Protein backbone atom coordinates (compact mmCIF):
# COMPACT_ATOMS: atom_id res chain seq x y z
CA MET A 1 0.81 -21.59 -169.77
CA THR A 2 4.22 -23.91 -170.08
CA ILE A 3 4.01 -27.28 -171.70
CA GLY A 4 6.68 -29.48 -171.03
CA ILE A 5 8.23 -31.57 -174.42
CA THR A 6 10.03 -34.62 -173.65
CA CYS A 7 13.24 -35.73 -175.95
CA SER A 8 15.99 -38.35 -176.28
CA HIS A 9 18.76 -35.94 -175.47
CA PHE A 10 20.90 -35.33 -172.45
CA GLU A 11 21.31 -32.00 -170.82
CA THR A 12 24.88 -32.46 -171.03
CA ASN A 13 24.78 -32.77 -174.72
CA LYS A 14 22.06 -29.93 -175.42
CA ASP A 15 24.90 -27.76 -177.17
CA ASN A 16 25.71 -30.74 -179.55
CA LEU A 17 22.47 -31.49 -181.21
CA THR A 18 22.69 -31.97 -185.25
CA GLU A 19 20.45 -29.65 -187.19
CA GLU A 20 18.04 -32.44 -187.53
CA GLN A 21 17.57 -32.98 -183.93
CA LEU A 22 17.18 -29.33 -183.32
CA GLN A 23 14.55 -29.11 -186.13
CA SER A 24 12.34 -31.94 -184.57
CA LEU A 25 12.50 -30.22 -181.14
CA GLU A 26 11.25 -27.15 -182.99
CA ARG A 27 8.62 -28.30 -184.59
CA TYR A 28 6.91 -29.60 -181.25
CA ARG A 29 7.83 -25.96 -179.72
CA PHE A 30 6.49 -24.06 -182.73
CA ALA A 31 2.93 -26.41 -182.96
CA LEU A 32 2.48 -25.35 -178.92
CA GLN A 33 3.17 -21.60 -179.67
CA ASP A 34 0.87 -21.60 -182.79
CA ALA A 35 -1.67 -22.90 -180.44
CA GLY A 36 -1.01 -20.12 -177.92
CA ALA A 37 1.28 -22.09 -175.19
CA ASP A 38 5.21 -21.78 -174.12
CA SER A 39 6.83 -24.55 -174.10
CA GLU A 40 10.38 -25.96 -172.40
CA VAL A 41 12.06 -28.86 -173.75
CA LEU A 42 12.78 -31.35 -170.95
CA PHE A 43 16.24 -32.54 -171.61
CA LEU A 44 17.04 -36.00 -169.88
CA PRO A 45 18.96 -35.94 -166.57
CA PRO A 46 22.38 -37.46 -166.50
CA GLU A 47 22.79 -41.08 -167.27
CA ASP A 48 23.93 -41.94 -163.56
CA SER A 49 20.98 -40.38 -161.94
CA SER A 50 19.23 -42.50 -159.31
CA ILE A 51 15.44 -43.21 -159.76
CA GLU A 52 14.96 -40.96 -156.41
CA ALA A 53 16.66 -38.32 -158.08
CA ILE A 54 14.68 -38.61 -161.41
CA LYS A 55 11.51 -38.80 -159.32
CA GLU A 56 12.35 -35.48 -157.27
CA MET A 57 13.20 -33.80 -160.70
CA ALA A 58 9.85 -34.88 -162.20
CA GLU A 59 7.61 -33.83 -159.09
CA SER A 60 9.67 -30.32 -159.35
CA LYS A 61 9.19 -30.00 -162.87
CA SER A 62 5.65 -31.06 -163.12
CA CYS A 63 4.66 -28.60 -160.45
CA GLU A 64 5.99 -25.96 -162.91
CA LEU A 65 4.29 -27.09 -166.29
CA GLN A 66 0.41 -26.82 -167.06
CA GLY A 67 0.93 -29.78 -169.60
CA LEU A 68 3.16 -32.51 -170.86
CA VAL A 69 4.02 -33.72 -174.60
CA LEU A 70 5.56 -37.20 -174.60
CA SER A 71 7.30 -36.56 -177.84
CA GLY A 72 8.05 -39.31 -180.52
CA GLY A 73 10.95 -41.25 -181.01
CA LYS A 74 12.44 -44.73 -181.45
CA ASN A 75 11.13 -47.95 -179.92
CA LEU A 76 10.37 -48.41 -176.19
CA PRO A 77 13.34 -50.64 -174.65
CA PRO A 78 11.71 -53.84 -173.60
CA GLN A 79 14.62 -54.73 -171.17
CA VAL A 80 13.29 -52.16 -168.62
CA TYR A 81 10.51 -54.73 -168.33
CA GLY A 82 12.44 -57.83 -168.24
CA ALA A 83 11.24 -58.56 -171.72
CA THR A 84 13.18 -59.66 -174.51
CA PRO A 85 13.30 -57.58 -177.63
CA GLY A 86 11.28 -58.86 -180.68
CA PRO A 87 13.19 -60.00 -183.95
CA TYR A 88 11.74 -56.88 -185.62
CA LEU A 89 12.90 -54.42 -183.10
CA GLU A 90 15.65 -52.17 -184.72
CA ALA A 91 16.51 -49.18 -182.53
CA THR A 92 15.24 -48.33 -178.90
CA ILE A 93 15.32 -44.97 -176.93
CA PRO A 94 18.13 -44.23 -174.43
CA LEU A 95 16.78 -46.42 -170.98
CA MET A 96 16.94 -43.05 -169.23
CA ARG A 97 14.41 -41.37 -171.71
CA HIS A 98 11.81 -44.10 -171.14
CA THR A 99 12.49 -43.80 -167.03
CA PHE A 100 12.35 -40.15 -167.34
CA ASP A 101 9.03 -39.96 -169.52
CA LYS A 102 7.35 -42.64 -167.24
CA VAL A 103 8.32 -40.94 -164.22
CA MET A 104 7.37 -37.49 -165.68
CA ALA A 105 4.00 -38.76 -167.01
CA GLU A 106 2.87 -40.40 -163.60
CA ALA A 107 3.88 -37.05 -161.68
CA MET A 108 1.69 -34.97 -164.39
CA LEU A 109 -1.16 -37.45 -164.32
CA SER A 110 -1.33 -37.42 -160.43
CA GLN A 111 -1.84 -33.84 -160.68
CA ASN A 112 -4.70 -34.37 -162.91
CA LYS A 113 -2.40 -32.48 -165.58
CA PRO A 114 -3.15 -33.19 -169.49
CA VAL A 115 -0.58 -35.53 -170.91
CA LEU A 116 -0.17 -35.89 -174.99
CA GLY A 117 1.45 -38.60 -176.47
CA ILE A 118 2.65 -38.55 -179.74
CA CYS A 119 3.75 -42.02 -181.77
CA LEU A 120 6.16 -43.48 -179.13
CA GLY A 121 4.65 -41.24 -176.32
CA LEU A 122 1.15 -42.69 -177.15
CA GLN A 123 2.51 -46.28 -176.97
CA LEU A 124 3.91 -45.44 -173.59
CA LEU A 125 0.46 -44.51 -172.20
CA CYS A 126 -1.14 -48.09 -173.54
CA ASN A 127 -0.97 -51.38 -171.79
CA PHE A 128 1.43 -53.09 -173.94
CA SER A 129 3.43 -52.69 -177.34
CA GLU A 130 4.23 -55.36 -179.70
CA GLU A 131 7.03 -53.42 -181.07
CA GLY A 132 9.54 -54.92 -178.58
CA ASN A 133 7.39 -56.88 -176.62
CA THR A 134 7.29 -54.15 -174.12
CA LYS A 135 4.75 -53.47 -171.08
CA CYS A 136 3.61 -49.92 -170.83
CA LEU A 137 2.00 -47.66 -168.30
CA GLY A 138 -1.66 -48.60 -168.71
CA ILE A 139 -3.29 -45.04 -168.87
CA PHE A 140 -5.32 -46.37 -172.04
CA ASP A 141 -6.36 -49.89 -171.72
CA SER A 142 -5.12 -50.97 -175.11
CA VAL A 143 -2.33 -52.74 -177.27
CA VAL A 144 -0.27 -51.11 -179.70
CA LYS A 145 -0.22 -53.78 -182.58
CA LYS A 146 2.64 -54.28 -184.99
CA PHE A 147 1.54 -53.82 -188.58
CA ASP A 148 1.07 -57.12 -190.34
CA SER A 149 3.63 -56.50 -193.42
CA SER A 150 1.28 -59.23 -195.40
CA VAL A 151 -1.28 -56.52 -195.53
CA PHE A 152 0.94 -54.08 -196.99
CA GLN A 153 2.04 -56.14 -200.31
CA ASN A 154 0.39 -56.03 -203.84
CA LYS A 155 -0.60 -58.88 -205.89
CA ASN A 156 2.89 -59.57 -206.83
CA LEU A 157 4.02 -59.60 -203.19
CA VAL A 158 6.14 -56.40 -203.72
CA PRO A 159 5.90 -54.72 -200.43
CA TYR A 160 4.08 -51.10 -200.21
CA LYS A 161 5.47 -48.68 -197.50
CA ILE A 162 3.81 -48.68 -194.45
CA PRO A 163 1.77 -45.42 -194.00
CA HIS A 164 3.15 -42.64 -192.03
CA MET A 165 1.36 -39.39 -190.95
CA GLY A 166 4.40 -37.26 -191.08
CA TRP A 167 4.36 -33.60 -189.88
CA ASN A 168 1.07 -31.87 -190.74
CA THR A 169 -0.02 -28.05 -190.29
CA ILE A 170 -2.02 -27.71 -187.20
CA VAL A 171 -4.46 -24.67 -187.08
CA ARG A 172 -5.15 -22.93 -183.86
CA LEU A 173 -6.94 -25.45 -181.68
CA SER A 174 -9.73 -24.54 -179.35
CA SER A 175 -9.32 -26.36 -176.28
CA PRO A 176 -9.39 -26.12 -172.59
CA LEU A 177 -5.86 -27.10 -172.31
CA MET A 178 -5.30 -23.96 -174.34
CA ASN A 179 -7.02 -21.57 -172.15
């Protein structure tokens, strides 16, 4: 069983990734390996690829894969949907990453193959994300809400850090996906 893992890196740049970028991709690969699956990192097609070429690539690749992980990353780019970035939007993923993830997820779901969204990937599967005022795929009928920063302040109005799950140890999973 081979599971595809999306990322924010272009095929043409894969030999120039930083150590941090490589480690991030390896974490996904090792987690899938520990769960009994092979994985393939899906690098982005060239930036000048047409939407038709991207769809053809996604259709072809989706036939080879048994599942897809939409990995985490920076924020969704709201300009894809003609929206204006919100004032709290710091950095976004490349437009090609969003396009590729969207087309790849649609291709997998049209074949009733499992898609797992992690952080940014899960946002993409929802209706809307307040992080950048972005319309998403609408697989899940939900809205990704921005944290209300006032909730994360103590009585002296000193801000607390917003909680983050980070990387956690995953033990062998028992799931039909892994059969």
